[in-house]
PDB file of N, CA and C in Angstrom:
ATOM      1  N   MET A   1      23.116   4.430   2.226  1.00  0.00           N
ATOM      2  CA  MET A   1      22.020   5.369   2.204  1.00  0.00           C
ATOM      3  C   MET A   1      22.478   6.683   2.838  1.00  0.00           C
ATOM      4  N   PRO A   2      22.238   7.789   2.172  1.00  0.00           N
ATOM      5  CA  PRO A   2      22.613   9.078   2.774  1.00  0.00           C
ATOM      6  C   PRO A   2      21.835   9.317   4.075  1.00  0.00           C
ATOM      7  N   PRO A   3      22.398  10.101   4.979  1.00  0.00           N
ATOM      8  CA  PRO A   3      21.753  10.329   6.275  1.00  0.00           C
ATOM      9  C   PRO A   3      20.336  10.900   6.166  1.00  0.00           C
ATOM     10  N   ILE A   4      20.097  11.760   5.201  1.00  0.00           N
ATOM     11  CA  ILE A   4      18.764  12.359   5.053  1.00  0.00           C
ATOM     12  C   ILE A   4      17.734  11.282   4.754  1.00  0.00           C
ATOM     13  N   LYS A   5      18.067  10.343   3.890  1.00  0.00           N
ATOM     14  CA  LYS A   5      17.121   9.277   3.543  1.00  0.00           C
ATOM     15  C   LYS A   5      16.819   8.405   4.758  1.00  0.00           C
ATOM     16  N   LYS A   6      17.834   8.122   5.561  1.00  0.00           N
ATOM     17  CA  LYS A   6      17.617   7.324   6.767  1.00  0.00           C
ATOM     18  C   LYS A   6      16.704   8.055   7.740  1.00  0.00           C
ATOM     19  N   ILE A   7      16.930   9.340   7.895  1.00  0.00           N
ATOM     20  CA  ILE A   7      16.111  10.134   8.812  1.00  0.00           C
ATOM     21  C   ILE A   7      14.662  10.153   8.342  1.00  0.00           C
ATOM     22  N   VAL A   8      14.455  10.391   7.064  1.00  0.00           N
ATOM     23  CA  VAL A   8      13.096  10.427   6.520  1.00  0.00           C
ATOM     24  C   VAL A   8      12.436   9.057   6.661  1.00  0.00           C
ATOM     25  N   LEU A   9      13.175   7.996   6.389  1.00  0.00           N
ATOM     26  CA  LEU A   9      12.630   6.646   6.526  1.00  0.00           C
ATOM     27  C   LEU A   9      12.203   6.377   7.966  1.00  0.00           C
ATOM     28  N   TRP A  10      13.044   6.738   8.920  1.00  0.00           N
ATOM     29  CA  TRP A  10      12.696   6.538  10.322  1.00  0.00           C
ATOM     30  C   TRP A  10      11.493   7.382  10.723  1.00  0.00           C
ATOM     31  N   LEU A  11      11.408   8.603  10.224  1.00  0.00           N
ATOM     32  CA  LEU A  11      10.248   9.442  10.533  1.00  0.00           C
ATOM     33  C   LEU A  11       8.963   8.834   9.985  1.00  0.00           C
ATOM     34  N   VAL A  12       9.022   8.280   8.786  1.00  0.00           N
ATOM     35  CA  VAL A  12       7.844   7.639   8.197  1.00  0.00           C
ATOM     36  C   VAL A  12       7.445   6.416   9.018  1.00  0.00           C
ATOM     37  N   VAL A  13       8.408   5.605   9.404  1.00  0.00           N
ATOM     38  CA  VAL A  13       8.114   4.413  10.209  1.00  0.00           C
ATOM     39  C   VAL A  13       7.504   4.810  11.549  1.00  0.00           C
ATOM     40  N   ILE A  14       8.076   5.802  12.193  1.00  0.00           N
ATOM     41  CA  ILE A  14       7.554   6.267  13.479  1.00  0.00           C
ATOM     42  C   ILE A  14       6.143   6.811  13.319  1.00  0.00           C
ATOM     43  N   PHE A  15       5.895   7.572  12.260  1.00  0.00           N
ATOM     44  CA  PHE A  15       4.554   8.102  12.023  1.00  0.00           C
ATOM     45  C   PHE A  15       3.552   6.979  11.796  1.00  0.00           C
ATOM     46  N   LEU A  16       3.934   5.970  11.000  1.00  0.00           N
ATOM     47  CA  LEU A  16       3.024   4.850  10.746  1.00  0.00           C
ATOM     48  C   LEU A  16       2.702   4.099  12.039  1.00  0.00           C
ATOM     49  N   LEU A  17       3.704   3.850  12.853  1.00  0.00           N
ATOM     50  CA  LEU A  17       3.461   3.181  14.132  1.00  0.00           C
ATOM     51  C   LEU A  17       2.562   4.024  15.032  1.00  0.00           C
ATOM     52  N   TYR A  18       2.795   5.315  15.069  1.00  0.00           N
ATOM     53  CA  TYR A  18       1.955   6.219  15.854  1.00  0.00           C
ATOM     54  C   TYR A  18       0.509   6.173  15.365  1.00  0.00           C
ATOM     55  N   ALA A  19       0.327   6.224  14.047  1.00  0.00           N
ATOM     56  CA  ALA A  19      -1.024   6.204  13.486  1.00  0.00           C
ATOM     57  C   ALA A  19      -1.728   4.887  13.802  1.00  0.00           C
ATOM     58  N   ILE A  20      -0.993   3.784  13.741  1.00  0.00           N
ATOM     59  CA  ILE A  20      -1.600   2.477  14.020  1.00  0.00           C
ATOM     60  C   ILE A  20      -1.977   2.356  15.495  1.00  0.00           C
ATOM     61  N   PHE A  21      -1.112   2.790  16.388  1.00  0.00           N
ATOM     62  CA  PHE A  21      -1.390   2.641  17.817  1.00  0.00           C
ATOM     63  C   PHE A  21      -2.439   3.620  18.326  1.00  0.00           C
ATOM     64  N   THR A  22      -2.528   4.800  17.748  1.00  0.00           N
ATOM     65  CA  THR A  22      -3.506   5.770  18.235  1.00  0.00           C
ATOM     66  C   THR A  22      -4.887   5.548  17.642  1.00  0.00           C
ATOM     67  N   SER A  23      -4.963   4.969  16.453  1.00  0.00           N
ATOM     68  CA  SER A  23      -6.256   4.744  15.813  1.00  0.00           C
ATOM     69  C   SER A  23      -6.215   3.460  14.986  1.00  0.00           C
ATOM     70  N   PRO A  24      -6.251   2.310  15.646  1.00  0.00           N
ATOM     71  CA  PRO A  24      -6.121   1.052  14.906  1.00  0.00           C
ATOM     72  C   PRO A  24      -7.280   0.779  13.947  1.00  0.00           C
ATOM     73  N   ASP A  25      -8.496   1.197  14.313  1.00  0.00           N
ATOM     74  CA  ASP A  25      -9.642   0.964  13.424  1.00  0.00           C
ATOM     75  C   ASP A  25      -9.497   1.729  12.116  1.00  0.00           C
ATOM     76  N   GLN A  26      -9.115   2.982  12.227  1.00  0.00           N
ATOM     77  CA  GLN A  26      -8.942   3.798  11.022  1.00  0.00           C
ATOM     78  C   GLN A  26      -7.752   3.299  10.198  1.00  0.00           C
ATOM     79  N   ALA A  27      -6.686   2.879  10.860  1.00  0.00           N
ATOM     80  CA  ALA A  27      -5.526   2.342  10.138  1.00  0.00           C
ATOM     81  C   ALA A  27      -5.907   1.065   9.392  1.00  0.00           C
ATOM     82  N   ALA A  28      -6.727   0.230  10.011  1.00  0.00           N
ATOM     83  CA  ALA A  28      -7.175  -1.000   9.353  1.00  0.00           C
ATOM     84  C   ALA A  28      -8.061  -0.681   8.152  1.00  0.00           C
ATOM     85  N   ALA A  29      -8.910   0.328   8.284  1.00  0.00           N
ATOM     86  CA  ALA A  29      -9.770   0.718   7.166  1.00  0.00           C
ATOM     87  C   ALA A  29      -8.942   1.246   5.999  1.00  0.00           C
ATOM     88  N   ILE A  30      -7.931   2.037   6.295  1.00  0.00           N
ATOM     89  CA  ILE A  30      -7.064   2.577   5.240  1.00  0.00           C
ATOM     90  C   ILE A  30      -6.298   1.449   4.566  1.00  0.00           C
ATOM     91  N   PHE A  31      -5.771   0.522   5.356  1.00  0.00           N
ATOM     92  CA  PHE A  31      -5.045  -0.615   4.786  1.00  0.00           C
ATOM     93  C   PHE A  31      -5.968  -1.466   3.925  1.00  0.00           C
ATOM     94  N   GLY A  32      -7.199  -1.682   4.393  1.00  0.00           N
ATOM     95  CA  GLY A  32      -8.168  -2.458   3.614  1.00  0.00           C
ATOM     96  C   GLY A  32      -8.496  -1.796   2.291  1.00  0.00           C
ATOM     97  N   ALA A  33      -8.667  -0.483   2.310  1.00  0.00           N
ATOM     98  CA  ALA A  33      -8.954   0.245   1.072  1.00  0.00           C
ATOM     99  C   ALA A  33      -7.770   0.173   0.112  1.00  0.00           C
ATOM    100  N   ALA A  34      -6.564   0.329   0.640  1.00  0.00           N
ATOM    101  CA  ALA A  34      -5.374   0.244  -0.214  1.00  0.00           C
ATOM    102  C   ALA A  34      -5.234  -1.160  -0.792  1.00  0.00           C
ATOM    103  N   TRP A  35      -5.528  -2.187   0.003  1.00  0.00           N
ATOM    104  CA  TRP A  35      -5.451  -3.568  -0.478  1.00  0.00           C
ATOM    105  C   TRP A  35      -6.468  -3.800  -1.584  1.00  0.00           C
ATOM    106  N   ASP A  36      -7.673  -3.246  -1.437  1.00  0.00           N
ATOM    107  CA  ASP A  36      -8.694  -3.385  -2.479  1.00  0.00           C
ATOM    108  C   ASP A  36      -8.236  -2.749  -3.788  1.00  0.00           C
ATOM    109  N   ILE A  37      -7.594  -1.597  -3.709  1.00  0.00           N
ATOM    110  CA  ILE A  37      -7.099  -0.918  -4.910  1.00  0.00           C
ATOM    111  C   ILE A  37      -6.037  -1.770  -5.602  1.00  0.00           C
ATOM    112  N   VAL A  38      -5.094  -2.293  -4.827  1.00  0.00           N
ATOM    113  CA  VAL A  38      -4.032  -3.129  -5.403  1.00  0.00           C
ATOM    114  C   VAL A  38      -4.625  -4.404  -5.996  1.00  0.00           C
ATOM    115  N   SER A  39      -5.541  -5.018  -5.275  1.00  0.00           N
ATOM    116  CA  SER A  39      -6.169  -6.256  -5.740  1.00  0.00           C
ATOM    117  C   SER A  39      -6.931  -6.037  -7.043  1.00  0.00           C
ATOM    118  N   THR A  40      -7.692  -4.961  -7.123  1.00  0.00           N
ATOM    119  CA  THR A  40      -8.436  -4.647  -8.340  1.00  0.00           C
ATOM    120  C   THR A  40      -7.484  -4.376  -9.498  1.00  0.00           C
ATOM    121  N   GLY A  41      -6.399  -3.673  -9.238  1.00  0.00           N
ATOM    122  CA  GLY A  41      -5.413  -3.399 -10.284  1.00  0.00           C
ATOM    123  C   GLY A  41      -4.793  -4.670 -10.837  1.00  0.00           C
ATOM    124  N   VAL A  42      -4.439  -5.589  -9.956  1.00  0.00           N
ATOM    125  CA  VAL A  42      -3.847  -6.855 -10.400  1.00  0.00           C
ATOM    126  C   VAL A  42      -4.863  -7.663 -11.202  1.00  0.00           C
ATOM    127  N   GLN A  43      -6.108  -7.679 -10.767  1.00  0.00           N
ATOM    128  CA  GLN A  43      -7.151  -8.394 -11.510  1.00  0.00           C
ATOM    129  C   GLN A  43      -7.340  -7.798 -12.899  1.00  0.00           C
ATOM    130  N   ASN A  44      -7.333  -6.481 -12.993  1.00  0.00           N
ATOM    131  CA  ASN A  44      -7.505  -5.834 -14.296  1.00  0.00           C
ATOM    132  C   ASN A  44      -6.325  -6.113 -15.227  1.00  0.00           C
ATOM    133  N   ILE A  45      -5.121  -6.124 -14.689  1.00  0.00           N
ATOM    134  CA  ILE A  45      -3.950  -6.454 -15.509  1.00  0.00           C
ATOM    135  C   ILE A  45      -4.045  -7.898 -15.999  1.00  0.00           C
ATOM    136  N   ALA A  46      -4.488  -8.798 -15.120  1.00  0.00           N
ATOM    137  CA  ALA A  46      -4.644 -10.201 -15.512  1.00  0.00           C
ATOM    138  C   ALA A  46      -5.695 -10.340 -16.612  1.00  0.00           C
ATOM    139  N   ARG A  47      -6.794  -9.617 -16.490  1.00  0.00           N
ATOM    140  CA  ARG A  47      -7.829  -9.658 -17.538  1.00  0.00           C
ATOM    141  C   ARG A  47      -7.291  -9.129 -18.863  1.00  0.00           C
ATOM    142  N   PHE A  48      -6.503  -8.069 -18.803  1.00  0.00           N
ATOM    143  CA  PHE A  48      -5.936  -7.481 -20.010  1.00  0.00           C
ATOM    144  C   PHE A  48      -5.052  -8.493 -20.737  1.00  0.00           C
ATOM    145  N   PHE A  49      -4.129  -9.121 -20.002  1.00  0.00           N
ATOM    146  CA  PHE A  49      -3.243 -10.087 -20.644  1.00  0.00           C
ATOM    147  C   PHE A  49      -4.001 -11.332 -21.091  1.00  0.00           C
ATOM    148  N   ASP A  50      -5.023 -11.707 -20.344  1.00  0.00           N
ATOM    149  CA  ASP A  50      -5.848 -12.840 -20.749  1.00  0.00           C
ATOM    150  C   ASP A  50      -6.563 -12.540 -22.061  1.00  0.00           C
ATOM    151  N   SER A  51      -7.057 -11.306 -22.204  1.00  0.00           N
ATOM    152  CA  SER A  51      -7.732 -10.943 -23.459  1.00  0.00           C
ATOM    153  C   SER A  51      -6.741 -10.875 -24.620  1.00  0.00           C
ATOM    154  N   LEU A  52      -5.496 -10.508 -24.362  1.00  0.00           N
ATOM    155  CA  LEU A  52      -4.483 -10.502 -25.416  1.00  0.00           C
ATOM    156  C   LEU A  52      -4.155 -11.920 -25.877  1.00  0.00           C
ATOM    157  N   ILE A  53      -4.088 -12.834 -24.937  1.00  0.00           N
ATOM    158  CA  ILE A  53      -3.739 -14.217 -25.267  1.00  0.00           C
ATOM    159  C   ILE A  53      -4.860 -14.898 -26.040  1.00  0.00           C
ATOM    160  N   ARG A  54      -6.096 -14.610 -25.704  1.00  0.00           N
ATOM    161  CA  ARG A  54      -7.235 -15.282 -26.334  1.00  0.00           C
ATOM    162  C   ARG A  54      -7.473 -14.849 -27.769  1.00  0.00           C
ATOM    163  N   ARG A  55      -6.925 -13.736 -28.200  1.00  0.00           N
ATOM    164  CA  ARG A  55      -7.182 -13.243 -29.567  1.00  0.00           C
ATOM    165  C   ARG A  55      -6.358 -13.948 -30.563  1.00  0.00           C
TER     166      ARG A  55
END
């Protein structure tokens, strides 16, 4: 990995840890919302393929 990518990766990790420790409630809400989006997307993809198979 080039040095710039490592530096950016470490900065992102440090920022995420800072955000979690300074505001855990808000971080949990953001994670919950992101999980809901991913979960809904996976369900919709499953429905799509299920409808393709049933035809």
